Protein backbone atom coordinates (compact mmCIF):
# COMPACT_ATOMS: atom_id res chain seq x y z
CA UNK A 1 5.53 16.34 9.08
CA UNK A 2 5.70 12.71 9.20
CA UNK A 3 7.65 10.11 7.08
CA UNK A 4 5.58 7.85 6.06
CA UNK A 5 8.25 6.15 2.63
CA UNK A 6 11.51 4.41 3.16
CA UNK A 7 13.69 3.87 -0.18
CA UNK A 8 14.84 0.98 1.12
CA UNK A 9 11.02 -0.25 1.94
CA UNK A 10 9.63 0.94 -2.18
CA UNK A 11 9.57 -1.74 -4.46
CA UNK A 12 8.65 -2.95 -8.28
CA UNK A 13 6.82 -6.35 -8.57
CA UNK A 14 6.31 -9.14 -11.55
CA UNK A 15 4.64 -11.67 -8.77
CA UNK A 16 1.58 -12.49 -10.59
CA UNK A 17 -0.31 -13.33 -7.06
CA UNK A 18 -1.58 -11.93 -3.95
CA UNK A 19 0.61 -13.86 -2.40
CA UNK A 20 3.58 -14.14 -4.65
CA UNK A 21 3.82 -10.27 -3.47
CA UNK A 22 3.12 -10.84 -0.37
CA UNK A 23 6.19 -13.19 0.28
CA UNK A 24 8.71 -10.81 -2.23
CA UNK A 25 7.72 -8.01 0.43
CA UNK A 26 8.08 -9.73 3.46
CA UNK A 27 11.40 -11.96 3.51
CA UNK A 28 12.42 -8.50 2.69
CA UNK A 29 10.89 -6.81 5.65
CA UNK A 30 11.60 -9.95 7.89
CA UNK A 31 15.20 -9.25 6.72
CA UNK A 32 15.53 -5.88 7.64
CA UNK A 33 13.91 -6.60 11.35
CA UNK A 34 10.74 -4.77 10.46
CA UNK A 35 8.07 -6.98 10.19
CA UNK A 36 7.67 -10.85 12.83
CA UNK A 37 7.91 -13.48 11.45
CA UNK A 38 4.05 -14.33 11.89
CA UNK A 39 2.96 -10.90 9.41
CA UNK A 40 2.99 -12.91 6.03
CA UNK A 41 0.24 -15.79 7.68
CA UNK A 42 -1.57 -13.00 9.04
CA UNK A 43 -1.54 -10.54 6.35
CA UNK A 44 -2.65 -12.85 3.99
CA UNK A 45 -5.27 -14.04 6.21
CA UNK A 46 -6.61 -10.63 7.10
CA UNK A 47 -6.47 -10.00 3.67
CA UNK A 48 -9.25 -12.89 3.23
CA UNK A 49 -11.04 -11.62 6.05
CA UNK A 50 -10.53 -8.25 5.36
CA UNK A 51 -10.65 -7.66 1.70
CA UNK A 52 -8.24 -4.34 0.88
CA UNK A 53 -9.32 -3.73 -2.87
CA UNK A 54 -10.24 0.05 -3.92
CA UNK A 55 -12.26 0.76 -6.72
CA UNK A 56 -10.80 4.34 -7.50
CA UNK A 57 -13.32 5.13 -10.65
CA UNK A 58 -15.67 7.18 -8.25
CA UNK A 59 -12.28 9.24 -7.39
CA UNK A 60 -11.47 9.49 -11.30
CA UNK A 61 -12.22 6.91 -14.19
CA UNK A 62 -8.58 7.21 -15.45
CA UNK A 63 -7.16 6.22 -12.14
CA UNK A 64 -6.24 2.00 -11.93
CA UNK A 65 -7.43 0.88 -9.29
CA UNK A 66 -5.44 -0.31 -5.99
CA UNK A 67 -5.05 -2.77 -2.25
CA UNK A 68 -4.07 -1.60 0.94
CA UNK A 69 -2.90 -4.28 2.78
CA UNK A 70 -1.52 -4.46 6.08
CA UNK A 71 -2.63 -6.44 9.90
CA UNK A 72 -2.76 -6.38 13.02
CA UNK A 73 0.30 -3.38 15.18
CA UNK A 74 1.80 -7.41 16.42
CA UNK A 75 2.94 -8.49 13.59
CA UNK A 76 4.99 -5.39 12.72
CA UNK A 77 8.04 -3.04 13.79
CA UNK A 78 7.21 0.04 12.11
CA UNK A 79 5.31 2.85 11.36
CA UNK A 80 5.37 3.02 7.45
CA UNK A 81 3.57 3.07 4.61
CA UNK A 82 5.18 0.64 1.61
CA UNK A 83 4.78 1.75 -1.75
CA UNK A 84 4.32 -1.11 -3.92
CA UNK A 85 3.83 -0.92 -8.11
CA UNK A 86 2.86 -3.74 -9.64
CA UNK A 87 3.64 -4.37 -13.10
CA UNK A 88 1.02 -6.74 -13.72
CA UNK A 89 -2.55 -6.68 -12.88
CA UNK A 90 -3.99 -8.70 -9.05
CA UNK A 91 -7.07 -9.11 -8.02
CA UNK A 92 -7.81 -7.89 -5.18
CA UNK A 93 -12.04 -7.94 -3.31
CA UNK A 94 -12.95 -5.09 -2.91
CA UNK A 95 -13.22 -3.45 0.44
CA UNK A 96 -16.60 -1.99 0.20
CA UNK A 97 -18.18 -4.66 -1.60
CA UNK A 98 -16.23 -7.65 -0.78
CA UNK A 99 -17.34 -9.95 -3.03
CA UNK A 100 -16.64 -7.61 -5.93
CA UNK A 101 -12.93 -7.90 -7.59
CA UNK A 102 -11.07 -4.91 -8.39
CA UNK A 103 -7.75 -4.87 -10.69
CA UNK A 104 -4.74 -3.68 -8.67
CA UNK A 105 -1.88 -1.53 -10.31
CA UNK A 106 -0.67 -0.49 -7.04
CA UNK A 107 -0.28 -1.40 -3.38
CA UNK A 108 -0.23 1.44 -0.57
CA UNK A 109 1.02 -1.79 2.13
CA UNK A 110 0.61 -0.29 6.28
CA UNK A 111 2.53 -0.55 8.83
CA UNK A 112 1.67 0.34 12.14
CA UNK A 113 3.47 -0.18 15.20
CA UNK A 114 0.39 1.55 16.61
CA UNK A 115 -2.90 0.15 16.05
CA UNK A 116 -4.40 3.28 16.92
CA UNK A 117 -3.32 5.44 14.35
CA UNK A 118 -4.06 2.30 11.68
CA UNK A 119 -7.69 4.45 9.83
CA UNK A 120 -5.35 7.25 10.23
CA UNK A 121 -3.09 6.43 7.21
CA UNK A 122 -5.40 4.63 5.23
CA UNK A 123 -7.74 8.17 5.76
CA UNK A 124 -3.90 10.13 5.13
CA UNK A 125 -3.23 7.78 1.06
CA UNK A 126 -7.22 8.67 0.44
CA UNK A 127 -5.88 12.75 1.02
CA UNK A 128 -3.06 11.87 -0.79
CA UNK A 129 -5.17 10.04 -4.20
CA UNK A 130 -7.64 12.96 -3.49
CA UNK A 131 -5.69 15.88 -3.52
CA UNK A 132 -2.51 15.01 -6.13
CA UNK A 133 -3.85 16.16 -9.54
CA UNK A 134 -5.21 13.00 -11.23
CA UNK A 135 -3.14 13.57 -14.35
CA UNK A 136 -0.37 13.32 -12.75
CA UNK A 137 -1.61 10.56 -9.94
CA UNK A 138 -2.43 8.59 -12.84
CA UNK A 139 1.05 9.04 -14.56
CA UNK A 140 3.20 8.27 -10.56
CA UNK A 141 1.05 4.98 -10.52
CA UNK A 142 2.69 3.82 -14.30
CA UNK A 143 6.40 4.83 -12.45
CA UNK A 144 8.14 1.57 -12.49
CA UNK A 145 11.56 2.32 -10.62
CA UNK A 146 11.81 2.74 -7.16
CA UNK A 147 13.54 5.69 -6.62
CA UNK A 148 11.40 7.25 -8.93
CA UNK A 149 7.83 6.24 -6.96
CA UNK A 150 10.03 6.91 -3.30
CA UNK A 151 10.39 10.54 -4.82
CA UNK A 152 7.76 11.37 -6.12
CA UNK A 153 5.88 10.32 -2.68
CA UNK A 154 8.19 12.53 -1.06
CA UNK A 155 7.38 16.00 -2.85
CA UNK A 156 3.51 15.44 -3.29
CA UNK A 157 2.70 12.50 0.58
CA UNK A 158 2.19 15.51 3.02
CA UNK A 159 1.19 14.42 6.20
CA UNK A 160 1.42 16.96 9.06
CA UNK A 161 1.44 14.83 12.02
CA UNK A 162 -0.09 17.06 15.23
CA UNK A 163 2.25 17.31 18.34
C-alpha cells in the first residue's frame, strides 16, 4: 500500500483564481522543500497549455467538477497527491475539451518525482472517484477541514503498489 496523502499537505483555500491557489500552495510546498523554485511558473505554464479541469458529470450528475494540476517531475522533490478543497469555484479549462471550462470545487495536485508514474497517479485518482459511493464522495467534496479531508482519503483511497 502506497501513501500519496499527508496531513501537512492537505489544504483548504479561499482564493479566487487558479494562480492565487497555486501560489498559496506553492509557497507552503517550497517552504517544506517539496518543490523547486521554478515549480509555480511551470505549473501555471503547463495548466495554460495542457488544461487539467475534469467534468465529473459523466461519472455522476451530483459530483462537482475537479482539476488535477501537475507539472514535470524536474520541478518536484517528492511523490504525493496534494488535495485542495476550494471554498470558491474556480474555472479551469477542460482536460478533454480545452476550449470548454469547468468550475472546479476540488483539486488533486500531483507531485510526481518519477515522471513515468504520472498516468498511473491520474488513473488512481479516477479509480478513487469511480469506486467510492457517489453520495459518500459528494459529502467528501463538501468537507472543509484539512484533517477531515485527509482522514477520508486515508480511509477510502486504496492504491496497491506492485513490487
